[in-house]
Amino acid sequence: MSVFIIAEIGINHNGDLGLAKSLIDGAVEAGCNMVKFQKRTIDLVYTQEELNKPRESPWGTTNREQKEGLEFGETEYDEIDRYCKQKNIEWTASAWDVPSQLFLRKYDLN
């Protein structure tokens, strides 16, 4: 039996592509087969009431600003795709909603 190890990055990159790459590097060094991120459409998965709540973070003073600060878009995912290919590690992302599923289809994810 073979083992396939997935390193959960999720949003632990804190919205920082450099940190995401460091986490990918760590997964490669640890011998993982894949890294996994999360993709969500903020306005679909959270209520306006929740997004408007106060929350101090490096990105601002509301939950919305914090959630948006953590979310990667196409530019970042294009670079993650390129970087993972360069590092010879597979990647995927958990889609929290249908638009995120559709967004991720552009990448050849298993």
N, C-alpha and C. Protein backbone atom coordinates (compact mmCIF):
# COMPACT_ATOMS: atom_id res chain seq x y z
N MET A 1 0.85 -1.17 0.00
CA MET A 1 0.00 0.00 0.00
C MET A 1 0.90 1.23 0.00
N SER A 2 0.54 2.22 -0.79
CA SER A 2 1.31 3.47 -0.81
C SER A 2 0.58 4.55 -0.03
N VAL A 3 1.33 5.51 0.43
CA VAL A 3 0.80 6.62 1.21
C VAL A 3 0.94 7.89 0.39
N PHE A 4 -0.10 8.71 0.38
CA PHE A 4 -0.10 10.00 -0.32
C PHE A 4 -0.33 11.07 0.74
N ILE A 5 0.64 11.95 0.90
CA ILE A 5 0.58 12.93 1.99
C ILE A 5 0.26 14.31 1.43
N ILE A 6 -0.80 14.92 2.00
CA ILE A 6 -1.24 16.25 1.60
C ILE A 6 -0.97 17.22 2.74
N ALA A 7 -0.21 18.27 2.44
CA ALA A 7 0.06 19.32 3.43
C ALA A 7 -1.03 20.38 3.32
N GLU A 8 -1.77 20.59 4.39
CA GLU A 8 -2.84 21.58 4.42
C GLU A 8 -2.26 22.96 4.68
N ILE A 9 -2.29 23.80 3.66
CA ILE A 9 -1.87 25.19 3.82
C ILE A 9 -3.09 26.05 4.15
N GLY A 10 -4.21 25.77 3.49
CA GLY A 10 -5.43 26.52 3.77
C GLY A 10 -5.22 28.00 3.53
N ILE A 11 -5.42 28.81 4.57
CA ILE A 11 -5.15 30.25 4.49
C ILE A 11 -4.01 30.62 5.43
N ASN A 12 -3.21 29.64 5.83
CA ASN A 12 -2.07 29.90 6.72
C ASN A 12 -0.98 30.74 6.06
N HIS A 13 -1.14 31.06 4.79
CA HIS A 13 -0.22 31.95 4.10
C HIS A 13 -0.46 33.41 4.49
N ASN A 14 -1.57 33.67 5.18
CA ASN A 14 -1.92 35.02 5.64
C ASN A 14 -1.97 36.04 4.50
N GLY A 15 -2.36 35.59 3.33
CA GLY A 15 -2.47 36.50 2.19
C GLY A 15 -1.15 36.90 1.59
N ASP A 16 -0.08 36.23 1.96
CA ASP A 16 1.28 36.56 1.54
C ASP A 16 1.82 35.46 0.63
N LEU A 17 2.01 35.78 -0.64
CA LEU A 17 2.48 34.79 -1.61
C LEU A 17 3.86 34.25 -1.25
N GLY A 18 4.72 35.10 -0.71
CA GLY A 18 6.05 34.65 -0.28
C GLY A 18 5.95 33.60 0.82
N LEU A 19 5.04 33.82 1.77
CA LEU A 19 4.83 32.84 2.83
C LEU A 19 4.24 31.56 2.26
N ALA A 20 3.33 31.68 1.30
CA ALA A 20 2.75 30.50 0.66
C ALA A 20 3.86 29.66 0.01
N LYS A 21 4.79 30.33 -0.65
CA LYS A 21 5.90 29.60 -1.28
C LYS A 21 6.78 28.93 -0.23
N SER A 22 6.99 29.59 0.89
CA SER A 22 7.78 28.98 1.97
C SER A 22 7.08 27.75 2.52
N LEU A 23 5.76 27.80 2.64
CA LEU A 23 5.00 26.65 3.11
C LEU A 23 5.06 25.51 2.09
N ILE A 24 5.02 25.85 0.81
CA ILE A 24 5.19 24.84 -0.24
C ILE A 24 6.58 24.21 -0.13
N ASP A 25 7.60 25.04 0.04
CA ASP A 25 8.97 24.54 0.19
C ASP A 25 9.06 23.58 1.37
N GLY A 26 8.43 23.93 2.49
CA GLY A 26 8.45 23.07 3.66
C GLY A 26 7.78 21.73 3.39
N ALA A 27 6.68 21.76 2.64
CA ALA A 27 5.99 20.52 2.29
C ALA A 27 6.86 19.65 1.39
N VAL A 28 7.54 20.28 0.44
CA VAL A 28 8.46 19.53 -0.43
C VAL A 28 9.57 18.91 0.41
N GLU A 29 10.17 19.70 1.27
CA GLU A 29 11.26 19.22 2.12
C GLU A 29 10.81 18.07 3.02
N ALA A 30 9.56 18.12 3.48
CA ALA A 30 9.03 17.07 4.36
C ALA A 30 8.63 15.81 3.58
N GLY A 31 8.65 15.89 2.25
CA GLY A 31 8.31 14.72 1.45
C GLY A 31 6.84 14.58 1.13
N CYS A 32 6.08 15.66 1.25
CA CYS A 32 4.65 15.61 0.93
C CYS A 32 4.45 15.47 -0.57
N ASN A 33 3.31 14.90 -0.94
CA ASN A 33 2.98 14.72 -2.35
C ASN A 33 2.16 15.87 -2.92
N MET A 34 1.48 16.60 -2.05
CA MET A 34 0.55 17.65 -2.50
C MET A 34 0.42 18.70 -1.41
N VAL A 35 0.11 19.93 -1.82
CA VAL A 35 -0.28 20.99 -0.90
C VAL A 35 -1.71 21.39 -1.22
N LYS A 36 -2.45 21.82 -0.20
CA LYS A 36 -3.85 22.18 -0.39
C LYS A 36 -4.12 23.56 0.19
N PHE A 37 -4.79 24.37 -0.60
CA PHE A 37 -5.20 25.71 -0.21
C PHE A 37 -6.72 25.74 -0.06
N GLN A 38 -7.29 26.91 0.20
CA GLN A 38 -8.74 27.11 0.26
C GLN A 38 -9.10 28.29 -0.65
N LYS A 39 -10.23 28.17 -1.33
CA LYS A 39 -10.72 29.25 -2.18
C LYS A 39 -12.18 29.49 -1.85
N ARG A 40 -12.53 30.75 -1.65
CA ARG A 40 -13.91 31.09 -1.31
C ARG A 40 -14.29 32.44 -1.89
N THR A 41 -15.57 32.62 -2.09
CA THR A 41 -16.13 33.90 -2.50
C THR A 41 -16.73 34.52 -1.25
N ILE A 42 -16.04 35.51 -0.74
CA ILE A 42 -16.36 36.09 0.57
C ILE A 42 -17.85 36.44 0.72
N ASP A 43 -18.42 37.09 -0.29
CA ASP A 43 -19.81 37.55 -0.19
C ASP A 43 -20.83 36.41 -0.25
N LEU A 44 -20.41 35.23 -0.67
CA LEU A 44 -21.33 34.10 -0.71
C LEU A 44 -21.28 33.24 0.55
N VAL A 45 -20.13 33.16 1.17
CA VAL A 45 -19.99 32.23 2.30
C VAL A 45 -20.16 32.91 3.66
N TYR A 46 -20.22 34.23 3.67
CA TYR A 46 -20.43 34.97 4.92
C TYR A 46 -21.60 35.93 4.73
N THR A 47 -22.35 36.14 5.78
CA THR A 47 -23.43 37.13 5.72
C THR A 47 -22.84 38.54 5.79
N GLN A 48 -23.60 39.51 5.33
CA GLN A 48 -23.16 40.90 5.43
C GLN A 48 -22.98 41.29 6.90
N GLU A 49 -23.87 40.79 7.75
CA GLU A 49 -23.76 41.07 9.18
C GLU A 49 -22.41 40.58 9.72
N GLU A 50 -22.03 39.38 9.33
CA GLU A 50 -20.74 38.83 9.79
C GLU A 50 -19.58 39.64 9.22
N LEU A 51 -19.64 39.98 7.96
CA LEU A 51 -18.55 40.72 7.32
C LEU A 51 -18.40 42.13 7.91
N ASN A 52 -19.49 42.71 8.37
CA ASN A 52 -19.45 44.06 8.92
C ASN A 52 -18.98 44.13 10.37
N LYS A 53 -18.88 42.98 11.03
CA LYS A 53 -18.47 42.98 12.44
C LYS A 53 -17.05 43.53 12.59
N PRO A 54 -16.82 44.23 13.69
CA PRO A 54 -15.47 44.75 13.93
C PRO A 54 -14.48 43.61 14.17
N ARG A 55 -13.29 43.77 13.62
CA ARG A 55 -12.20 42.82 13.84
C ARG A 55 -10.90 43.50 13.48
N GLU A 56 -10.06 43.66 14.44
CA GLU A 56 -8.74 44.26 14.20
C GLU A 56 -7.83 43.22 13.55
N SER A 57 -7.21 43.58 12.45
CA SER A 57 -6.28 42.69 11.76
C SER A 57 -5.29 43.56 10.98
N PRO A 58 -4.26 42.95 10.44
CA PRO A 58 -3.32 43.73 9.62
C PRO A 58 -3.97 44.35 8.38
N TRP A 59 -5.16 43.89 8.01
CA TRP A 59 -5.82 44.37 6.79
C TRP A 59 -6.88 45.42 7.05
N GLY A 60 -7.23 45.66 8.31
CA GLY A 60 -8.25 46.65 8.58
C GLY A 60 -8.97 46.39 9.90
N THR A 61 -10.22 46.87 9.96
CA THR A 61 -10.95 46.84 11.23
C THR A 61 -12.27 46.08 11.17
N THR A 62 -12.51 45.34 10.08
CA THR A 62 -13.74 44.54 9.97
C THR A 62 -13.40 43.11 9.57
N ASN A 63 -14.37 42.22 9.79
CA ASN A 63 -14.21 40.84 9.32
C ASN A 63 -14.00 40.81 7.81
N ARG A 64 -14.73 41.66 7.07
CA ARG A 64 -14.58 41.69 5.61
C ARG A 64 -13.13 41.98 5.22
N GLU A 65 -12.55 42.99 5.82
CA GLU A 65 -11.17 43.35 5.46
C GLU A 65 -10.21 42.21 5.80
N GLN A 66 -10.43 41.54 6.90
CA GLN A 66 -9.58 40.42 7.27
C GLN A 66 -9.75 39.26 6.28
N LYS A 67 -10.98 38.90 5.96
CA LYS A 67 -11.24 37.80 5.02
C LYS A 67 -10.68 38.12 3.64
N GLU A 68 -10.88 39.34 3.17
CA GLU A 68 -10.36 39.73 1.85
C GLU A 68 -8.84 39.73 1.84
N GLY A 69 -8.23 40.11 2.95
CA GLY A 69 -6.77 40.11 3.04
C GLY A 69 -6.16 38.73 2.95
N LEU A 70 -6.92 37.72 3.36
CA LEU A 70 -6.42 36.34 3.33
C LEU A 70 -6.69 35.63 2.02
N GLU A 71 -7.52 36.20 1.18
CA GLU A 71 -7.98 35.49 -0.03
C GLU A 71 -7.07 35.75 -1.22
N PHE A 72 -6.60 34.69 -1.84
CA PHE A 72 -5.81 34.80 -3.06
C PHE A 72 -6.73 34.87 -4.27
N GLY A 73 -6.29 35.57 -5.30
CA GLY A 73 -7.00 35.67 -6.56
C GLY A 73 -6.24 34.98 -7.67
N GLU A 74 -6.60 35.31 -8.90
CA GLU A 74 -6.03 34.64 -10.07
C GLU A 74 -4.52 34.82 -10.17
N THR A 75 -4.03 36.01 -9.93
CA THR A 75 -2.59 36.26 -10.03
C THR A 75 -1.82 35.35 -9.08
N GLU A 76 -2.29 35.26 -7.85
CA GLU A 76 -1.60 34.42 -6.85
C GLU A 76 -1.72 32.94 -7.19
N TYR A 77 -2.91 32.50 -7.61
CA TYR A 77 -3.07 31.09 -7.96
C TYR A 77 -2.29 30.72 -9.22
N ASP A 78 -2.16 31.63 -10.16
CA ASP A 78 -1.30 31.37 -11.33
C ASP A 78 0.14 31.14 -10.87
N GLU A 79 0.60 31.94 -9.92
CA GLU A 79 1.97 31.79 -9.41
C GLU A 79 2.11 30.51 -8.58
N ILE A 80 1.12 30.17 -7.79
CA ILE A 80 1.15 28.91 -7.03
C ILE A 80 1.24 27.74 -8.00
N ASP A 81 0.45 27.77 -9.05
CA ASP A 81 0.47 26.71 -10.06
C ASP A 81 1.86 26.59 -10.68
N ARG A 82 2.43 27.72 -11.07
CA ARG A 82 3.76 27.71 -11.68
C ARG A 82 4.81 27.21 -10.68
N TYR A 83 4.74 27.70 -9.46
CA TYR A 83 5.74 27.36 -8.45
C TYR A 83 5.67 25.88 -8.07
N CYS A 84 4.46 25.36 -7.92
CA CYS A 84 4.33 23.93 -7.59
C CYS A 84 4.86 23.05 -8.72
N LYS A 85 4.62 23.45 -9.95
CA LYS A 85 5.18 22.68 -11.08
C LYS A 85 6.71 22.73 -11.03
N GLN A 86 7.25 23.90 -10.75
CA GLN A 86 8.71 24.05 -10.65
C GLN A 86 9.26 23.16 -9.53
N LYS A 87 8.54 23.06 -8.42
CA LYS A 87 8.98 22.28 -7.26
C LYS A 87 8.57 20.81 -7.34
N ASN A 88 7.85 20.46 -8.41
CA ASN A 88 7.43 19.07 -8.65
C ASN A 88 6.55 18.54 -7.50
N ILE A 89 5.59 19.36 -7.10
CA ILE A 89 4.61 18.95 -6.09
C ILE A 89 3.22 19.30 -6.62
N GLU A 90 2.28 18.41 -6.42
CA GLU A 90 0.90 18.68 -6.84
C GLU A 90 0.26 19.67 -5.87
N TRP A 91 -0.78 20.34 -6.35
CA TRP A 91 -1.53 21.23 -5.47
C TRP A 91 -3.00 21.13 -5.79
N THR A 92 -3.80 21.53 -4.82
CA THR A 92 -5.24 21.58 -4.98
C THR A 92 -5.77 22.66 -4.04
N ALA A 93 -7.07 22.87 -4.08
CA ALA A 93 -7.70 23.83 -3.17
C ALA A 93 -9.11 23.36 -2.87
N SER A 94 -9.54 23.53 -1.65
CA SER A 94 -10.92 23.28 -1.26
C SER A 94 -11.74 24.48 -1.70
N ALA A 95 -12.75 24.24 -2.51
CA ALA A 95 -13.64 25.32 -2.95
C ALA A 95 -14.83 25.38 -1.99
N TRP A 96 -15.07 26.55 -1.44
CA TRP A 96 -16.16 26.73 -0.48
C TRP A 96 -17.50 27.01 -1.15
N ASP A 97 -17.50 27.27 -2.46
CA ASP A 97 -18.73 27.67 -3.14
C ASP A 97 -18.56 27.39 -4.64
N VAL A 98 -19.68 27.46 -5.37
CA VAL A 98 -19.67 27.14 -6.80
C VAL A 98 -18.77 28.07 -7.61
N PRO A 99 -18.83 29.40 -7.44
CA PRO A 99 -17.91 30.25 -8.22
C PRO A 99 -16.44 29.89 -7.98
N SER A 100 -16.10 29.48 -6.76
CA SER A 100 -14.72 29.08 -6.49
C SER A 100 -14.39 27.78 -7.21
N GLN A 101 -15.36 26.86 -7.29
CA GLN A 101 -15.15 25.63 -8.05
C GLN A 101 -14.90 25.96 -9.52
N LEU A 102 -15.70 26.84 -10.05
CA LEU A 102 -15.54 27.23 -11.45
C LEU A 102 -14.19 27.92 -11.67
N PHE A 103 -13.79 28.77 -10.75
CA PHE A 103 -12.50 29.45 -10.83
C PHE A 103 -11.36 28.43 -10.89
N LEU A 104 -11.40 27.43 -10.04
CA LEU A 104 -10.31 26.45 -9.94
C LEU A 104 -10.22 25.52 -11.14
N ARG A 105 -11.27 25.45 -11.96
CA ARG A 105 -11.26 24.57 -13.13
C ARG A 105 -10.17 24.92 -14.13
N LYS A 106 -9.70 26.15 -14.12
CA LYS A 106 -8.68 26.55 -15.09
C LYS A 106 -7.34 25.86 -14.82
N TYR A 107 -7.20 25.32 -13.61
CA TYR A 107 -5.97 24.64 -13.22
C TYR A 107 -6.18 23.14 -13.35
N ASP A 108 -5.14 22.43 -13.71
CA ASP A 108 -5.23 20.98 -13.88
C ASP A 108 -5.05 20.31 -12.53
N LEU A 109 -6.10 20.37 -11.70
CA LEU A 109 -6.02 19.84 -10.34
C LEU A 109 -6.62 18.44 -10.31
N ASN A 110 -6.01 17.62 -9.51
CA ASN A 110 -6.51 16.25 -9.35
C ASN A 110 -7.53 16.18 -8.25
